[in-house]
N, C-alpha and C. Protein backbone atom coordinates (compact mmCIF):
# COMPACT_ATOMS: atom_id res chain seq x y z
N MET A 1 0.92 -1.12 -0.08
CA MET A 1 0.00 0.04 -0.19
C MET A 1 0.99 1.68 0.10
N ARG A 2 0.50 2.35 -0.91
CA ARG A 2 1.30 3.61 -0.84
C ARG A 2 1.21 4.16 0.53
N GLN A 3 2.16 5.36 0.21
CA GLN A 3 1.85 6.39 1.78
C GLN A 3 0.39 6.88 1.72
N ALA A 4 0.38 7.25 2.64
CA ALA A 4 -1.08 8.25 2.86
C ALA A 4 -0.52 9.41 2.24
N PRO A 5 -1.47 10.34 1.77
CA PRO A 5 -0.97 12.14 1.59
C PRO A 5 -1.48 12.88 2.00
N SER A 6 -0.31 12.72 3.61
CA SER A 6 0.51 13.09 4.19
C SER A 6 -0.99 14.86 4.47
N GLU A 7 0.36 15.10 3.84
CA GLU A 7 -0.17 17.21 4.15
C GLU A 7 -1.21 17.62 3.48
N VAL A 8 -1.81 16.39 2.25
CA VAL A 8 -3.24 17.12 1.83
C VAL A 8 -4.58 16.27 2.55
N PHE A 9 -4.42 15.63 4.37
CA PHE A 9 -4.96 15.20 4.85
C PHE A 9 -5.13 16.68 6.05
N ALA A 10 -3.46 16.66 6.03
CA ALA A 10 -3.28 17.92 7.22
C ALA A 10 -3.96 18.79 7.37
N ALA A 11 -4.08 19.18 5.74
CA ALA A 11 -4.19 20.42 5.51
C ALA A 11 -6.07 20.65 4.87
N LEU A 12 -6.77 19.65 4.88
CA LEU A 12 -8.11 19.12 5.28
C LEU A 12 -8.87 19.41 6.26
N GLY A 13 -7.69 18.66 7.09
CA GLY A 13 -8.53 19.11 8.88
C GLY A 13 -9.07 19.71 9.60
N ASP A 14 -8.60 20.89 9.27
CA ASP A 14 -8.76 21.65 9.75
C ASP A 14 -10.24 22.44 9.24
N PRO A 15 -11.38 22.62 10.08
CA PRO A 15 -12.98 23.02 9.87
C PRO A 15 -13.23 24.43 8.35
N THR A 16 -11.88 25.44 8.75
CA THR A 16 -11.63 26.38 8.07
C THR A 16 -11.05 26.48 6.46
N ARG A 17 -10.06 25.21 6.49
CA ARG A 17 -9.79 25.16 5.38
C ARG A 17 -10.52 24.29 4.35
N ALA A 18 -10.91 22.98 5.54
CA ALA A 18 -11.94 22.76 5.08
C ALA A 18 -14.03 23.43 3.95
N ALA A 19 -13.87 24.63 4.97
CA ALA A 19 -15.18 25.23 4.36
C ALA A 19 -14.62 26.04 2.90
N ILE A 20 -13.26 26.39 2.86
CA ILE A 20 -12.43 27.32 2.05
C ILE A 20 -12.41 25.95 0.64
N VAL A 21 -12.32 24.92 1.04
CA VAL A 21 -11.72 23.74 -0.36
C VAL A 21 -13.72 23.76 -1.33
N ALA A 22 -14.78 23.91 0.24
CA ALA A 22 -16.14 23.81 -0.28
C ALA A 22 -17.07 24.54 -0.80
N LEU A 23 -16.49 25.86 -0.47
CA LEU A 23 -16.59 27.01 -1.18
C LEU A 23 -16.16 27.26 -2.71
N LEU A 24 -14.94 26.80 -3.20
CA LEU A 24 -14.07 26.42 -4.08
C LEU A 24 -14.77 25.71 -5.55
N LEU A 25 -15.47 24.89 -4.37
CA LEU A 25 -16.17 23.61 -5.21
C LEU A 25 -17.10 24.20 -6.67
N ASP A 26 -17.78 25.69 -5.82
CA ASP A 26 -18.31 26.11 -7.57
C ASP A 26 -17.51 26.82 -8.42
N GLY A 27 -16.35 27.09 -8.09
CA GLY A 27 -15.28 27.81 -8.74
C GLY A 27 -14.77 28.59 -8.28
N GLU A 28 -13.83 29.21 -9.21
CA GLU A 28 -13.03 30.31 -8.80
C GLU A 28 -13.57 31.49 -7.97
N ARG A 29 -12.66 31.65 -7.02
CA ARG A 29 -13.12 33.03 -6.18
C ARG A 29 -11.53 34.26 -5.96
N SER A 30 -12.23 34.54 -5.30
CA SER A 30 -10.98 35.88 -5.03
C SER A 30 -11.31 35.65 -3.72
N ALA A 31 -9.36 36.41 -2.99
CA ALA A 31 -9.06 36.41 -1.62
C ALA A 31 -10.18 36.86 -0.79
N GLY A 32 -10.26 38.24 -1.36
CA GLY A 32 -11.62 39.21 -0.95
C GLY A 32 -13.01 38.10 -0.76
N ASP A 33 -13.09 37.71 -1.98
CA ASP A 33 -14.46 37.03 -1.59
C ASP A 33 -14.74 35.63 -0.68
N ILE A 34 -13.03 34.87 -0.97
CA ILE A 34 -13.13 34.09 -0.05
C ILE A 34 -13.26 34.06 2.27
N ALA A 35 -12.64 35.48 2.27
CA ALA A 35 -12.50 35.88 3.27
C ALA A 35 -13.41 36.36 3.85
N ARG A 36 -14.54 37.24 2.70
CA ARG A 36 -15.61 37.53 2.76
C ARG A 36 -17.25 36.15 3.97
N HIS A 37 -16.82 35.15 3.47
CA HIS A 37 -17.44 33.75 4.27
C HIS A 37 -16.73 33.45 5.83
N PHE A 38 -15.82 34.22 6.74
CA PHE A 38 -14.83 33.90 7.91
C PHE A 38 -15.38 34.84 8.22
N ASP A 39 -15.89 35.27 10.06
CA ASP A 39 -15.34 35.44 10.79
C ASP A 39 -13.63 35.52 11.55
N MET A 40 -13.51 35.86 11.10
CA MET A 40 -11.95 36.14 10.72
C MET A 40 -11.28 36.73 10.07
N SER A 41 -9.79 37.76 10.91
CA SER A 41 -9.71 38.83 9.82
C SER A 41 -8.83 37.99 8.36
N ARG A 42 -8.77 38.99 7.26
CA ARG A 42 -8.52 38.60 5.63
C ARG A 42 -6.90 37.96 5.79
N PRO A 43 -5.92 38.73 7.24
CA PRO A 43 -4.48 37.86 6.86
C PRO A 43 -5.20 36.50 7.48
N GLY A 44 -5.95 36.16 8.25
CA GLY A 44 -5.96 34.87 8.66
C GLY A 44 -6.72 33.88 7.69
N VAL A 45 -7.58 34.46 7.53
CA VAL A 45 -8.10 33.64 5.89
C VAL A 45 -6.75 32.89 5.14
N GLY A 46 -6.22 34.66 5.09
CA GLY A 46 -5.02 34.14 3.92
C GLY A 46 -3.87 33.03 4.32
N LYS A 47 -3.80 32.95 6.39
CA LYS A 47 -3.50 31.94 6.21
C LYS A 47 -3.23 30.47 5.81
N HIS A 48 -5.01 30.21 5.91
CA HIS A 48 -5.41 29.24 5.71
C HIS A 48 -5.36 28.96 4.31
N VAL A 49 -5.74 29.69 3.40
CA VAL A 49 -5.53 29.35 2.02
C VAL A 49 -3.84 29.30 1.79
N ARG A 50 -2.72 29.76 2.55
CA ARG A 50 -2.07 29.52 1.63
C ARG A 50 -0.97 27.39 2.21
N VAL A 51 -1.82 27.38 3.39
CA VAL A 51 -1.64 26.03 4.08
C VAL A 51 -2.44 25.41 2.56
N LEU A 52 -3.31 25.76 2.09
CA LEU A 52 -3.74 25.14 0.71
C LEU A 52 -3.55 25.22 -0.20
N GLU A 53 -2.94 25.99 -0.78
CA GLU A 53 -1.69 26.56 -1.62
C GLU A 53 -0.93 25.53 -1.77
N LYS A 54 0.21 25.70 -0.56
CA LYS A 54 1.23 24.77 -0.21
C LYS A 54 1.37 22.99 0.15
N ALA A 55 0.04 22.48 -0.02
CA ALA A 55 -0.52 21.35 -0.12
C ALA A 55 -0.85 20.85 -1.53
N GLY A 56 -1.47 21.67 -2.54
CA GLY A 56 -1.03 21.60 -3.86
C GLY A 56 -2.84 21.51 -4.08
N ILE A 57 -3.35 21.73 -3.20
CA ILE A 57 -5.10 21.33 -3.04
C ILE A 57 -5.28 22.97 -3.79
N VAL A 58 -5.05 24.09 -3.55
CA VAL A 58 -5.27 25.64 -4.33
C VAL A 58 -4.17 26.12 -4.83
N ALA A 59 -4.87 26.20 -6.41
CA ALA A 59 -3.51 27.54 -7.37
C ALA A 59 -3.59 28.54 -7.06
N VAL A 60 -3.03 29.54 -7.17
CA VAL A 60 -3.71 30.91 -7.07
C VAL A 60 -3.16 31.76 -8.61
N ARG A 61 -3.52 32.09 -8.62
CA ARG A 61 -3.37 32.90 -10.21
C ARG A 61 -3.95 34.65 -10.13
N PRO A 62 -2.85 35.78 -10.50
CA PRO A 62 -3.36 37.50 -10.78
C PRO A 62 -3.84 37.52 -11.51
N GLU A 63 -4.74 38.21 -11.28
CA GLU A 63 -5.72 39.03 -12.39
C GLU A 63 -6.05 40.34 -11.53
N GLY A 64 -4.96 41.28 -12.78
CA GLY A 64 -4.94 42.67 -11.95
C GLY A 64 -4.56 42.73 -10.64
N ARG A 65 -5.46 43.39 -9.80
CA ARG A 65 -4.51 43.49 -8.36
C ARG A 65 -5.32 42.61 -7.19
N GLU A 66 -6.29 41.52 -7.86
CA GLU A 66 -6.34 40.39 -7.49
C GLU A 66 -6.03 39.44 -7.02
N ARG A 67 -5.83 38.79 -6.54
CA ARG A 67 -5.76 36.69 -6.65
C ARG A 67 -6.88 35.89 -7.12
N MET A 68 -7.10 34.88 -7.79
CA MET A 68 -7.78 34.03 -7.97
C MET A 68 -7.89 32.85 -7.09
N HIS A 69 -8.17 32.65 -7.09
CA HIS A 69 -8.04 30.70 -6.09
C HIS A 69 -8.63 29.87 -7.16
N ARG A 70 -8.21 29.00 -6.64
CA ARG A 70 -8.98 28.03 -7.87
C ARG A 70 -8.88 26.45 -7.00
N LEU A 71 -9.62 25.62 -7.33
CA LEU A 71 -9.74 24.14 -6.49
C LEU A 71 -8.40 23.33 -7.51
N ASN A 72 -7.53 22.35 -7.16
CA ASN A 72 -6.77 21.49 -8.33
C ASN A 72 -6.77 20.47 -7.76
N PRO A 73 -7.52 19.77 -8.51
CA PRO A 73 -7.74 18.09 -7.98
C PRO A 73 -6.99 17.32 -8.33
N GLN A 74 -5.92 17.22 -8.10
CA GLN A 74 -5.41 16.19 -8.25
C GLN A 74 -5.11 15.66 -7.03
N PRO A 75 -4.02 16.54 -6.07
CA PRO A 75 -3.71 16.19 -5.03
C PRO A 75 -4.99 15.36 -4.17
N LEU A 76 -6.23 16.36 -3.82
CA LEU A 76 -7.98 14.99 -4.06
C LEU A 76 -7.82 13.87 -4.70
N ILE A 77 -7.78 13.92 -6.19
CA ILE A 77 -7.67 12.44 -6.60
C ILE A 77 -6.91 11.55 -6.24
N LYS A 78 -5.72 12.17 -5.69
CA LYS A 78 -4.24 11.00 -5.49
C LYS A 78 -5.16 10.45 -3.54
N ALA A 79 -5.40 11.47 -2.73
CA ALA A 79 -5.80 11.17 -1.39
C ALA A 79 -7.09 10.09 -1.48
N ALA A 80 -8.17 9.87 -2.61
CA ALA A 80 -8.71 10.05 -2.89
C ALA A 80 -9.06 8.14 -2.87
N GLY A 81 -7.96 8.40 -4.52
CA GLY A 81 -7.33 6.81 -4.70
C GLY A 81 -6.65 5.66 -3.41
N TRP A 82 -5.79 6.88 -2.53
CA TRP A 82 -4.89 5.81 -1.37
C TRP A 82 -6.30 5.35 -0.44
N PHE A 83 -7.24 6.70 -0.27
CA PHE A 83 -9.02 5.73 0.09
C PHE A 83 -9.40 4.66 -0.31
N GLY A 84 -9.19 5.06 -1.39
CA GLY A 84 -10.00 3.71 -2.09
C GLY A 84 -8.76 2.25 -1.79
N GLU A 85 -7.54 2.32 -2.07
CA GLU A 85 -6.58 1.35 -1.65
C GLU A 85 -6.99 0.41 -0.13
N LEU A 86 -7.28 1.69 0.48
CA LEU A 86 -6.82 1.45 2.32
C LEU A 86 -8.98 0.29 2.15
N SER A 87 -9.81 1.26 1.42
CA SER A 87 -10.68 0.35 1.56
C SER A 87 -11.18 -1.10 0.96
N ARG A 88 -10.14 -1.36 0.29
CA ARG A 88 -10.01 -3.06 -0.91
C ARG A 88 -8.72 -3.18 0.43
N PHE A 89 -7.73 -2.86 0.96
CA PHE A 89 -6.95 -4.12 1.95
C PHE A 89 -7.71 -4.42 2.89
N TRP A 90 -8.79 -3.31 3.75
CA TRP A 90 -9.66 -4.00 4.53
C TRP A 90 -10.58 -4.80 4.23
N ASP A 91 -11.10 -4.75 3.31
CA ASP A 91 -12.73 -5.65 2.75
C ASP A 91 -12.45 -7.41 2.34
N GLU A 92 -10.24 -7.17 1.85
CA GLU A 92 -9.51 -8.30 1.83
C GLU A 92 -9.84 -9.12 3.21
N ARG A 93 -9.34 -8.05 4.04
CA ARG A 93 -9.38 -8.59 5.72
C ARG A 93 -10.67 -8.99 6.58
N LEU A 94 -11.24 -8.55 5.82
CA LEU A 94 -12.64 -8.51 6.31
C LEU A 94 -12.98 -10.04 6.44
N ASP A 95 -13.11 -10.01 4.57
CA ASP A 95 -13.40 -11.46 4.35
C ASP A 95 -13.03 -12.10 4.84
N ILE A 96 -11.48 -12.08 4.74
CA ILE A 96 -10.96 -13.14 5.37
C ILE A 96 -11.31 -14.21 7.16
N LEU A 97 -11.40 -13.02 7.85
CA LEU A 97 -11.94 -13.17 9.10
C LEU A 97 -13.17 -13.88 8.67
N LYS A 98 -13.85 -12.96 7.74
CA LYS A 98 -16.02 -13.45 8.08
C LYS A 98 -15.41 -15.28 7.96
N THR A 99 -14.35 -15.67 6.86
CA THR A 99 -14.22 -17.28 6.08
C THR A 99 -13.79 -17.86 8.10
N ILE A 100 -13.05 -17.91 8.75
CA ILE A 100 -12.30 -17.57 9.27
C ILE A 100 -13.31 -18.70 10.47
N LEU A 101 -14.13 -16.87 10.67
CA LEU A 101 -15.70 -17.06 11.98
C LEU A 101 -16.45 -18.50 11.04
N GLU A 102 -16.96 -18.24 10.12
CA GLU A 102 -17.77 -19.32 9.51
C GLU A 102 -17.62 -20.90 9.81
N ASN A 103 -16.10 -20.95 9.62
CA ASN A 103 -15.27 -22.01 9.79
C ASN A 103 -15.56 -22.62 10.79
N GLU A 104 -15.20 -21.71 12.14
CA GLU A 104 -15.57 -22.13 13.17
C GLU A 104 -16.73 -22.20 13.83
N GLU A 105 -17.92 -21.30 13.17
CA GLU A 105 -18.97 -21.95 13.72
C GLU A 105 -19.31 -23.29 12.87
N GLY A 106 -19.02 -23.32 12.11
CA GLY A 106 -19.54 -24.75 11.38
C GLY A 106 -18.79 -26.07 12.13
N SER A 107 -17.48 -25.76 12.36
CA SER A 107 -16.86 -26.92 13.47
C SER A 107 -17.10 -26.79 14.47
N HIS A 108 -17.77 -25.85 15.14
CA HIS A 108 -17.99 -26.17 16.88
C HIS A 108 -20.01 -26.76 16.95
N GLY A 109 -20.78 -26.98 15.68
CA GLY A 109 -22.01 -27.75 14.99
C GLY A 109 -21.64 -28.54 15.20
N LYS A 110 -20.41 -29.35 14.82
CA LYS A 110 -20.77 -30.86 14.59
C LYS A 110 -20.52 -31.75 16.21
N ALA A 111 -20.38 -32.59 15.57
CA ALA A 111 -20.28 -33.20 16.99
C ALA A 111 -20.40 -34.96 16.58
C-alpha cells in the first residue's frame, strides 16, 4: 500500500480550510470573496489559503490587483485513490476474517 498523502489530509483536517475547499467547488474566487465567508481577518483566512496552496489543493493566479483561487483536483484525486486502496485492503482482511469465523462456527456445530 502506498504512503498516505499526509500533507493533503493535514490541510483538509482544519474546518476552516475544508470550508474554503467547499467554497471553491463552485468555481474560482478572489481572496476577498473567500475572506467574506469567515468571521476572521483577511490575513487569518490568507494563512489558511496558503496552507491549501502548499498542499497543492489550491492554485492561485493573479488577475489585476486580485489573486484568484481555484481548486487543483490532482491532490484530492490522489487522496481519494489512497482511501480506495485502504478500503480494498480492509475489505480483503474482513472477508478472510468472515471465512475463518464461518468455518469455526461450522466446526463447533458438529458433534
